[in-house]
Amino acid sequence: MPSPPLSHRARKQLDASADSPLLKALGRTFGNPRSDDNPDGVINAGLAENSLLHDWLTEFWERPGTLKLEHTDLTYGKSIFGSDRIFVALGQLYKTYFHPHEPVEPPHIVTSNGLSPLISRLAAVTSDVGDEWIVPAPWYNGFKQDLQGTSQVGIASVAVPAGAHGTVGEVEALEQEMERRQGDSSAPKVTAVLVTSPHNPLGFCYARDVLIEYCKFAERWNLYLVVDEIYALSVFDTDDCPDALPFTSILAIDVAAEAGCDLSRIIQLGGASKDFGCNGLRAGTAVVQHNADIMSALSVTALEIRMGSPTDALWSALLTSPELPTYLSLNKAALGRAYSYLTAWLRAHGLPYTPAHAGHFVLVDWREHVNQVEVADEARGGRFAKEVAFLDRIVDAGVYLGPGFSYACPEPGFFRMTFSIRRYELEIALERLEKLVGLEAKARELSRVYPS
């Protein structure tokens, strides 16, 4: 007798993944990673991982006494949203670096085993199956799975006119889309607007006045405003952006007084993965200061995604350490040096890119080389067929870069390149790309000019 069938939902997801060029490329990357034992494996220079201070972090966390587990850490604890320890540590972090208009108290905080499952839960409690969150494009490619994978909430992706990213013009583009939907009875209901600041994949910080316009937009259309600030402390200095805007948290704005926005709409997101270089520890956060209904709804399933006690203890130790400012300063400087190296390499090879001053990546225009690719299967990838074929080629050559189609880039040929991996691996990745597309070898020489 055959086994019982999978659910319709699971079969649909499997069918979609089987046809996904992105998942195929990631499968090949994770299935054959480069290491000292596998020097010919694939270097992941596309996902946002910050390895620049891994030595500092491991030395800090491996010190005797740093991991202090209490008896309650071996139980379900006092709160399904986190421990007293992490609430105190996060409260200090927000007060010092996010400058909240209203103090962030423990009842405002939710912690989780990664930001992705928390976004999924937030989608489930703010939206029904088939509803959508409106997002300015390009956007972080993980949002698709975060929203659709379990909660089955879609993305209303809105193309932003050239030059309007991060400006009031971006909000106006979303406004036009909402107005268009008013006359379209078949359009799914929009329940939230999702903004990432600092931006992923463009690497800029939103101005305070633009965040206020987003608050007004959310109020006009009766939406939640979800602001993902997971790169808040990964802002760095660069000659590319001498007048770059500083990071402003949505928590720092009196949204009621400055935007006439109901406080219950605001949801702030964060986590440890990016600013603290520890994707593997799995730590996500949300701050909801004025919506008891959301907190109550999250509590129903919060235990399933609760942050593990070891992660809680390790992150809390760093957040409350007098060495935290030292770590953040070192991280900022290291990001700046890594960005300078990668962008010097891009300029040396005439590869245009979007200047950035935050995050771990640069969006790069590879169209000159993508357009030279011969496509065997025009149907695979559609308008992005050449980009998909180029993705296959670079993975064949031992490098993964984030393809633009997965970030909802409007034109084929753009790739997100991560500069915050270990320098020797970035050098090797750039050398492999030089060899693949016939560029002069400059990666090693420029690494000496722009040391890590």
Protein backbone atom coordinates (compact mmCIF):
# COMPACT_ATOMS: atom_id res chain seq x y z
CA MET A 1 0.00 0.00 0.00
CA PRO A 2 1.43 3.40 -0.93
CA SER A 3 2.04 5.94 1.79
CA PRO A 4 -0.55 8.68 2.39
CA PRO A 5 -0.11 11.64 0.03
CA LEU A 6 1.47 14.96 0.90
CA SER A 7 -0.83 17.91 1.44
CA HIS A 8 -1.91 20.00 -1.51
CA ARG A 9 0.06 22.88 0.02
CA ALA A 10 3.25 20.80 0.21
CA ARG A 11 2.89 19.54 -3.35
CA LYS A 12 2.38 23.10 -4.59
CA GLN A 13 5.51 24.25 -2.77
CA LEU A 14 7.53 21.33 -4.12
CA ASP A 15 6.40 22.03 -7.66
CA ALA A 16 7.35 25.69 -7.29
CA SER A 17 10.77 24.87 -5.85
CA ALA A 18 11.48 22.32 -8.58
CA ASP A 19 11.04 25.08 -11.17
CA SER A 20 13.02 27.73 -9.24
CA PRO A 21 16.39 28.68 -10.75
CA LEU A 22 17.22 30.44 -7.49
CA LEU A 23 16.65 27.38 -5.32
CA LYS A 24 18.56 25.18 -7.76
CA ALA A 25 21.55 27.54 -7.60
CA LEU A 26 21.36 27.72 -3.81
CA GLY A 27 21.09 23.94 -3.61
CA ARG A 28 24.28 23.58 -5.61
CA THR A 29 25.97 26.23 -3.44
CA PHE A 30 25.02 24.74 -0.07
CA GLY A 31 25.62 21.22 -1.36
CA ASN A 32 29.22 21.96 -2.36
CA PRO A 33 30.60 24.79 -0.18
CA ARG A 34 34.21 25.84 -0.48
CA SER A 35 36.39 25.00 2.52
CA ASP A 36 40.01 24.13 3.22
CA ASP A 37 39.00 20.50 2.70
CA ASN A 38 37.05 21.34 -0.46
CA PRO A 39 38.99 24.17 -2.14
CA ASP A 40 37.13 23.82 -5.43
CA GLY A 41 33.71 24.21 -3.81
CA VAL A 42 31.34 27.13 -4.36
CA ILE A 43 31.94 30.45 -2.56
CA ASN A 44 28.74 32.06 -1.37
CA ALA A 45 29.15 35.74 -2.21
CA GLY A 46 25.43 36.34 -2.60
CA LEU A 47 23.75 35.69 0.73
CA ALA A 48 24.13 38.36 3.40
CA GLU A 49 26.52 36.92 5.94
CA ASN A 50 29.02 39.01 7.87
CA SER A 51 32.12 36.98 8.65
CA LEU A 52 34.45 39.95 9.12
CA LEU A 53 34.53 39.81 12.93
CA HIS A 54 33.94 36.11 13.46
CA ASP A 55 37.33 35.72 15.14
CA TRP A 56 36.50 38.55 17.58
CA LEU A 57 33.04 37.13 18.29
CA THR A 58 34.17 33.56 18.85
CA GLU A 59 36.97 34.74 21.13
CA PHE A 60 34.46 36.82 23.11
CA TRP A 61 31.86 34.08 23.43
CA GLU A 62 34.40 31.34 24.22
CA ARG A 63 35.72 33.15 27.27
CA PRO A 64 35.08 31.22 30.49
CA GLY A 65 31.90 32.42 32.15
CA THR A 66 30.43 34.17 29.12
CA LEU A 67 27.74 31.56 28.55
CA LYS A 68 25.93 31.76 31.88
CA LEU A 69 22.92 29.47 31.85
CA GLU A 70 20.42 29.63 34.69
CA HIS A 71 17.98 26.98 35.85
CA THR A 72 15.16 28.77 34.04
CA ASP A 73 17.11 28.39 30.77
CA LEU A 74 16.44 24.66 30.96
CA THR A 75 12.69 25.25 31.26
CA TYR A 76 10.13 27.13 29.17
CA GLY A 77 11.09 30.21 31.19
CA LYS A 78 8.96 33.03 32.53
CA SER A 79 7.68 34.35 29.18
CA ILE A 80 6.98 32.70 25.86
CA PHE A 81 8.35 35.83 24.16
CA GLY A 82 11.82 35.63 25.74
CA SER A 83 13.74 35.83 29.00
CA ASP A 84 14.05 38.71 31.44
CA ARG A 85 17.74 38.74 30.51
CA ILE A 86 17.19 39.35 26.80
CA PHE A 87 14.44 41.90 27.47
CA VAL A 88 16.83 43.95 29.63
CA ALA A 89 19.66 43.61 27.08
CA LEU A 90 17.46 44.63 24.15
CA GLY A 91 16.00 47.51 26.14
CA GLN A 92 19.53 48.87 26.61
CA LEU A 93 20.30 48.37 22.92
CA TYR A 94 17.20 50.26 21.78
CA LYS A 95 17.76 53.08 24.27
CA THR A 96 21.40 53.60 23.27
CA TYR A 97 21.30 53.09 19.50
CA PHE A 98 17.68 53.45 18.32
CA HIS A 99 16.73 56.50 20.43
CA PRO A 100 13.07 55.53 20.85
CA HIS A 101 10.53 58.31 21.28
CA GLU A 102 8.89 56.09 23.90
CA PRO A 103 10.99 53.69 26.01
CA VAL A 104 10.88 50.09 24.81
CA GLU A 105 9.69 47.98 27.72
CA PRO A 106 9.70 44.16 28.07
CA PRO A 107 5.95 43.85 27.26
CA HIS A 108 6.67 45.47 23.88
CA ILE A 109 9.25 42.86 22.78
CA VAL A 110 8.95 39.52 21.01
CA THR A 111 12.02 37.37 20.39
CA SER A 112 12.24 34.36 18.10
CA ASN A 113 14.53 31.76 16.56
CA GLY A 114 15.31 33.97 13.58
CA LEU A 115 13.49 36.88 11.99
CA SER A 116 11.99 34.84 9.15
CA PRO A 117 9.65 32.74 11.33
CA LEU A 118 8.62 35.87 13.20
CA ILE A 119 7.69 37.63 9.94
CA SER A 120 5.71 34.54 8.99
CA ARG A 121 3.81 34.68 12.29
CA LEU A 122 3.19 38.41 11.94
CA ALA A 123 1.80 37.82 8.46
CA ALA A 124 -0.55 35.19 9.87
CA VAL A 125 -1.93 37.44 12.61
CA THR A 126 -2.26 40.59 10.50
CA SER A 127 -3.48 39.05 7.23
CA ASP A 128 -5.69 36.31 5.88
CA VAL A 129 -4.68 33.73 3.28
CA GLY A 130 -4.47 35.47 -0.09
CA ASP A 131 -3.96 38.97 1.33
CA GLU A 132 -0.82 40.88 0.35
CA TRP A 133 1.83 43.17 1.85
CA ILE A 134 2.84 46.02 -0.43
CA VAL A 135 6.62 46.40 -0.87
CA PRO A 136 8.74 48.79 -2.97
CA ALA A 137 11.01 46.93 -5.40
CA PRO A 138 13.69 45.75 -5.32
CA TRP A 139 13.18 43.90 -2.04
CA TYR A 140 14.93 41.22 0.00
CA ASN A 141 14.27 37.91 -1.74
CA GLY A 142 13.63 36.05 1.52
CA PHE A 143 10.42 37.99 2.07
CA LYS A 144 8.66 35.84 -0.51
CA GLN A 145 9.19 32.66 1.49
CA ASP A 146 8.71 34.43 4.83
CA LEU A 147 5.26 35.63 3.82
CA GLN A 148 4.05 32.91 1.45
CA GLY A 149 5.69 29.74 2.76
CA THR A 150 3.39 29.06 5.69
CA SER A 151 1.09 32.05 6.11
CA GLN A 152 0.24 32.20 2.38
CA VAL A 153 0.35 35.99 2.24
CA GLY A 154 1.47 37.48 -1.06
CA ILE A 155 3.69 40.39 -2.04
CA ALA A 156 2.31 43.37 -3.95
CA SER A 157 5.59 44.39 -5.57
CA VAL A 158 5.76 47.99 -6.78
CA ALA A 159 8.39 49.15 -9.25
CA VAL A 160 9.96 52.43 -8.14
CA PRO A 161 10.97 54.98 -10.81
CA ALA A 162 14.71 55.39 -11.37
CA GLY A 163 16.17 57.87 -8.92
CA ALA A 164 13.16 57.74 -6.60
CA HIS A 165 14.33 54.99 -4.24
CA GLY A 166 14.35 56.23 -0.68
CA THR A 167 12.48 59.44 -1.55
CA VAL A 168 8.92 60.66 -1.28
CA GLY A 169 8.62 59.56 -4.92
CA GLU A 170 8.89 55.95 -3.72
CA VAL A 171 5.89 56.43 -1.46
CA GLU A 172 4.02 58.07 -4.33
CA ALA A 173 4.63 54.97 -6.46
CA LEU A 174 2.96 52.86 -3.78
CA GLU A 175 0.16 55.40 -3.53
CA GLN A 176 -0.52 55.04 -7.26
CA GLU A 177 -0.64 51.26 -6.93
CA MET A 178 -3.16 51.46 -4.08
CA GLU A 179 -5.30 53.86 -6.11
CA ARG A 180 -5.17 51.51 -9.10
CA ARG A 181 -6.32 48.64 -6.91
CA GLN A 182 -9.37 50.59 -5.83
CA GLY A 183 -10.75 50.13 -9.31
CA ASP A 184 -9.76 46.48 -9.60
CA SER A 185 -12.21 44.20 -7.82
CA SER A 186 -9.95 41.19 -8.47
CA ALA A 187 -6.93 42.70 -6.70
CA PRO A 188 -6.08 41.02 -3.38
CA LYS A 189 -6.54 42.99 -0.20
CA VAL A 190 -3.41 44.80 1.04
CA THR A 191 -2.99 44.67 4.80
CA ALA A 192 0.52 46.00 5.44
CA VAL A 193 3.36 47.98 3.91
CA LEU A 194 6.85 46.53 4.42
CA VAL A 195 9.91 48.80 4.38
CA THR A 196 13.53 47.76 4.97
CA SER A 197 15.76 50.44 6.47
CA PRO A 198 18.66 50.24 5.90
CA HIS A 199 17.55 49.03 2.51
CA ASN A 200 18.20 45.55 1.18
CA PRO A 201 19.56 45.24 -1.53
CA LEU A 202 20.33 48.94 -2.21
CA GLY A 203 22.19 49.71 1.03
CA PHE A 204 20.85 53.16 1.99
CA CYS A 205 19.09 54.58 5.05
CA TYR A 206 15.67 56.17 4.74
CA ALA A 207 15.37 59.83 5.68
CA ARG A 208 13.17 60.70 8.62
CA ASP A 209 10.78 62.67 6.42
CA VAL A 210 10.30 59.69 4.10
CA LEU A 211 9.55 57.39 7.04
CA ILE A 212 6.96 59.94 8.14
CA GLU A 213 5.42 59.81 4.66
CA TYR A 214 5.23 56.02 4.99
CA CYS A 215 3.39 56.50 8.30
CA LYS A 216 0.90 58.81 6.56
CA PHE A 217 0.55 56.28 3.72
CA ALA A 218 -0.23 53.49 6.21
CA GLU A 219 -2.81 55.67 7.93
CA ARG A 220 -4.50 56.70 4.67
CA TRP A 221 -4.90 53.12 3.52
CA ASN A 222 -5.51 51.53 6.93
CA LEU A 223 -2.38 49.37 6.80
CA TYR A 224 0.16 48.09 9.27
CA LEU A 225 3.61 49.65 8.78
CA VAL A 226 6.28 46.97 9.21
CA VAL A 227 9.83 48.35 9.27
CA ASP A 228 12.67 45.83 9.06
CA GLU A 229 15.73 47.38 10.72
CA ILE A 230 17.95 44.31 10.86
CA TYR A 231 20.91 46.25 9.34
CA ALA A 232 20.50 49.24 11.69
CA LEU A 233 24.03 49.03 13.10
CA SER A 234 25.73 48.01 9.83
CA VAL A 235 26.08 51.58 8.56
CA PHE A 236 29.62 52.54 7.51
CA ASP A 237 31.62 55.43 6.06
CA THR A 238 32.46 55.44 2.36
CA ASP A 239 33.76 57.94 -0.17
CA ASP A 240 30.91 56.87 -2.46
CA CYS A 241 28.36 58.44 -0.09
CA PRO A 242 30.07 61.36 1.69
CA ASP A 243 26.72 62.95 2.58
CA ALA A 244 24.92 59.72 3.44
CA LEU A 245 21.92 59.94 5.72
CA PRO A 246 22.34 58.42 9.19
CA PHE A 247 20.11 55.61 10.31
CA THR A 248 16.80 56.74 11.81
CA SER A 249 14.66 54.15 13.52
CA ILE A 250 10.91 54.16 13.18
CA LEU A 251 10.97 53.91 17.00
CA ALA A 252 12.54 57.38 17.17
CA ILE A 253 9.58 59.07 15.48
CA ASP A 254 6.50 60.38 17.27
CA VAL A 255 4.30 58.97 14.54
CA ALA A 256 1.06 60.25 16.08
CA ALA A 257 2.22 63.86 16.35
CA GLU A 258 4.38 64.00 13.20
CA ALA A 259 2.29 61.88 10.83
CA GLY A 260 -1.17 61.57 12.38
CA CYS A 261 -0.56 57.81 12.36
CA ASP A 262 -2.25 55.47 14.79
CA LEU A 263 0.47 53.98 17.00
CA SER A 264 -1.07 50.51 16.75
CA ARG A 265 0.03 50.26 13.10
CA ILE A 266 3.78 50.28 13.83
CA ILE A 267 5.80 47.05 13.95
CA GLN A 268 9.61 47.28 14.16
CA LEU A 269 11.78 44.27 13.28
CA GLY A 270 15.39 43.36 14.01
CA GLY A 271 17.71 40.55 15.02
CA ALA A 272 21.24 39.40 15.66
CA SER A 273 22.10 37.85 12.29
CA LYS A 274 23.44 40.85 10.42
CA ASP A 275 24.75 43.51 12.80
CA PHE A 276 26.20 40.84 15.08
CA GLY A 277 27.54 38.48 12.42
CA CYS A 278 25.77 35.34 13.64
CA ASN A 279 23.19 34.09 11.15
CA GLY A 280 23.57 30.62 12.63
CA LEU A 281 22.49 31.55 16.17
CA ARG A 282 18.96 32.37 14.92
CA ALA A 283 17.70 35.44 16.77
CA GLY A 284 14.87 37.69 15.61
CA THR A 285 13.00 40.49 17.36
CA ALA A 286 9.88 42.57 16.99
CA VAL A 287 8.79 45.67 18.90
CA VAL A 288 5.05 46.31 19.08
CA GLN A 289 4.40 49.11 21.56
CA HIS A 290 0.72 49.89 21.07
CA ASN A 291 -1.13 46.81 19.87
CA ALA A 292 -2.14 44.35 22.56
CA ASP A 293 -4.19 42.37 20.02
CA ILE A 294 -1.11 41.55 17.94
CA MET A 295 0.84 40.54 21.04
CA SER A 296 -2.02 38.33 22.22
CA ALA A 297 -2.37 36.71 18.78
CA LEU A 298 1.40 36.08 18.59
CA SER A 299 1.35 34.49 22.03
CA VAL A 300 -0.84 31.65 20.75
CA THR A 301 1.99 30.17 18.68
CA ALA A 302 5.04 31.98 20.11
CA LEU A 303 6.39 28.87 21.83
CA GLU A 304 7.00 27.27 18.43
CA ILE A 305 9.47 30.00 17.45
CA ARG A 306 10.89 30.95 20.86
CA MET A 307 14.56 31.89 20.89
CA GLY A 308 16.70 29.10 22.35
CA SER A 309 18.31 29.73 25.73
CA PRO A 310 21.95 29.42 24.51
CA THR A 311 21.32 32.05 21.81
CA ASP A 312 19.52 34.24 24.35
CA ALA A 313 22.45 33.97 26.77
CA LEU A 314 25.17 34.56 24.19
CA TRP A 315 23.52 37.57 22.57
CA SER A 316 22.61 39.07 25.95
CA ALA A 317 26.22 38.74 27.08
CA LEU A 318 27.38 40.79 24.11
CA LEU A 319 24.60 43.37 24.32
CA THR A 320 25.30 44.07 27.99
CA SER A 321 29.10 43.91 27.73
CA PRO A 322 31.17 47.09 28.09
CA GLU A 323 32.92 45.83 24.94
CA LEU A 324 29.81 46.25 22.78
CA PRO A 325 30.81 49.74 21.56
CA THR A 326 34.24 48.34 20.64
CA TYR A 327 32.65 45.54 18.64
CA LEU A 328 30.31 47.91 16.80
CA SER A 329 33.15 50.29 15.99
CA LEU A 330 35.36 47.49 14.69
CA ASN A 331 32.48 46.10 12.65
CA LYS A 332 31.71 49.47 11.09
CA ALA A 333 35.36 49.96 10.10
CA ALA A 334 35.66 46.41 8.73
CA LEU A 335 32.53 46.83 6.62
CA GLY A 336 33.89 50.08 5.20
CA ARG A 337 37.20 48.47 4.24
CA ALA A 338 35.50 45.47 2.65
CA TYR A 339 33.13 47.72 0.70
CA SER A 340 36.08 49.82 -0.52
CA TYR A 341 37.87 46.70 -1.78
CA LEU A 342 34.92 45.28 -3.67
CA THR A 343 33.92 48.59 -5.22
CA ALA A 344 37.52 49.30 -6.27
CA TRP A 345 37.46 45.95 -8.07
CA LEU A 346 34.14 46.82 -9.73
CA ARG A 347 35.45 50.19 -10.92
CA ALA A 348 38.66 48.60 -12.20
CA HIS A 349 36.57 46.34 -14.42
CA GLY A 350 34.01 48.96 -15.48
CA LEU A 351 31.13 47.24 -13.67
CA PRO A 352 28.52 49.82 -12.62
CA TYR A 353 27.04 49.50 -9.14
CA THR A 354 24.66 51.29 -6.80
CA PRO A 355 26.70 53.15 -4.16
CA ALA A 356 25.84 52.00 -0.65
CA HIS A 357 26.68 52.93 2.93
CA ALA A 358 24.84 50.23 4.88
CA GLY A 359 24.41 46.48 4.84
CA HIS A 360 26.72 43.78 3.55
CA PHE A 361 26.27 43.97 -0.21
CA VAL A 362 26.26 45.98 -3.41
CA LEU A 363 23.82 45.71 -6.32
CA VAL A 364 25.99 45.35 -9.43
CA ASP A 365 25.15 45.81 -13.10
CA TRP A 366 26.50 42.73 -14.93
CA ARG A 367 24.42 43.34 -18.08
CA GLU A 368 27.42 43.69 -20.39
CA HIS A 369 28.41 40.10 -19.59
CA VAL A 370 24.93 38.68 -19.06
CA ASN A 371 23.85 39.80 -22.53
CA GLN A 372 26.69 37.80 -24.12
CA VAL A 373 25.40 34.51 -22.73
CA GLU A 374 23.96 32.03 -25.19
CA VAL A 375 20.63 30.71 -23.94
CA ALA A 376 19.80 27.10 -24.70
CA ASP A 377 16.29 27.22 -23.25
CA GLU A 378 14.53 30.53 -23.91
CA ALA A 379 11.54 29.40 -21.86
CA ARG A 380 13.59 28.97 -18.68
CA GLY A 381 13.55 32.30 -16.90
CA GLY A 382 11.43 34.10 -19.49
CA ARG A 383 12.62 37.71 -19.84
CA PHE A 384 15.38 36.85 -17.35
CA ALA A 385 16.58 33.81 -19.32
CA LYS A 386 20.07 35.22 -19.89
CA GLU A 387 20.39 36.16 -16.22
CA VAL A 388 19.38 32.64 -15.20
CA ALA A 389 21.92 31.19 -17.63
CA PHE A 390 24.63 33.52 -16.28
CA LEU A 391 23.74 32.41 -12.74
CA ASP A 392 24.28 28.80 -13.79
CA ARG A 393 27.65 29.74 -15.32
CA ILE A 394 28.98 31.53 -12.27
CA VAL A 395 27.93 28.69 -9.97
CA ASP A 396 29.68 26.30 -12.38
CA ALA A 397 32.75 28.51 -11.91
CA GLY A 398 32.48 28.23 -8.13
CA VAL A 399 30.76 31.48 -7.14
CA TYR A 400 27.20 32.26 -6.08
CA LEU A 401 25.87 35.81 -6.47
CA GLY A 402 22.31 36.91 -5.69
CA PRO A 403 20.40 37.16 -9.00
CA GLY A 404 18.37 40.30 -9.55
CA PHE A 405 15.22 38.48 -10.59
CA SER A 406 14.90 37.12 -7.05
CA TYR A 407 14.93 40.69 -5.64
CA ALA A 408 12.27 41.91 -8.10
CA CYS A 409 14.78 44.00 -10.04
CA PRO A 410 12.92 45.42 -13.04
CA GLU A 411 15.66 44.65 -15.58
CA PRO A 412 17.72 41.48 -16.16
CA GLY A 413 21.44 41.52 -15.52
CA PHE A 414 21.81 42.75 -11.92
CA PHE A 415 23.36 40.70 -9.12
CA ARG A 416 23.76 41.36 -5.41
CA MET A 417 27.36 40.85 -4.33
CA THR A 418 28.27 40.38 -0.66
CA PHE A 419 31.53 41.98 0.47
CA SER A 420 31.40 40.93 4.15
CA ILE A 421 32.63 37.35 3.72
CA ARG A 422 36.19 36.44 4.72
CA ARG A 423 38.69 38.39 2.63
CA TYR A 424 40.59 35.39 1.26
CA GLU A 425 37.32 33.86 0.07
CA LEU A 426 36.21 37.13 -1.52
CA GLU A 427 39.56 37.33 -3.33
CA ILE A 428 39.14 33.80 -4.68
CA ALA A 429 35.57 34.53 -5.74
CA LEU A 430 36.63 37.65 -7.65
CA GLU A 431 39.50 35.76 -9.28
CA ARG A 432 37.09 33.08 -10.45
CA LEU A 433 34.76 35.72 -11.89
CA GLU A 434 37.69 37.40 -13.68
CA LYS A 435 38.66 34.10 -15.25
CA LEU A 436 35.07 33.27 -16.21
CA VAL A 437 34.29 36.47 -18.12
CA GLY A 438 37.82 37.24 -19.34
CA LEU A 439 38.71 40.18 -17.11
CA GLU A 440 42.26 41.21 -16.26
CA ALA A 441 43.44 39.69 -12.98
CA LYS A 442 43.21 42.45 -10.38
CA ALA A 443 41.60 40.87 -7.32
CA ARG A 444 44.79 40.03 -5.45
CA GLU A 445 46.58 43.25 -6.37
CA LEU A 446 43.66 45.41 -5.20
CA SER A 447 43.42 43.44 -1.96
CA ARG A 448 46.90 44.68 -1.10
CA VAL A 449 45.89 48.26 -1.92
CA TYR A 450 42.70 47.94 0.13
CA PRO A 451 43.70 45.67 3.03
CA SER A 452 41.19 44.07 5.33
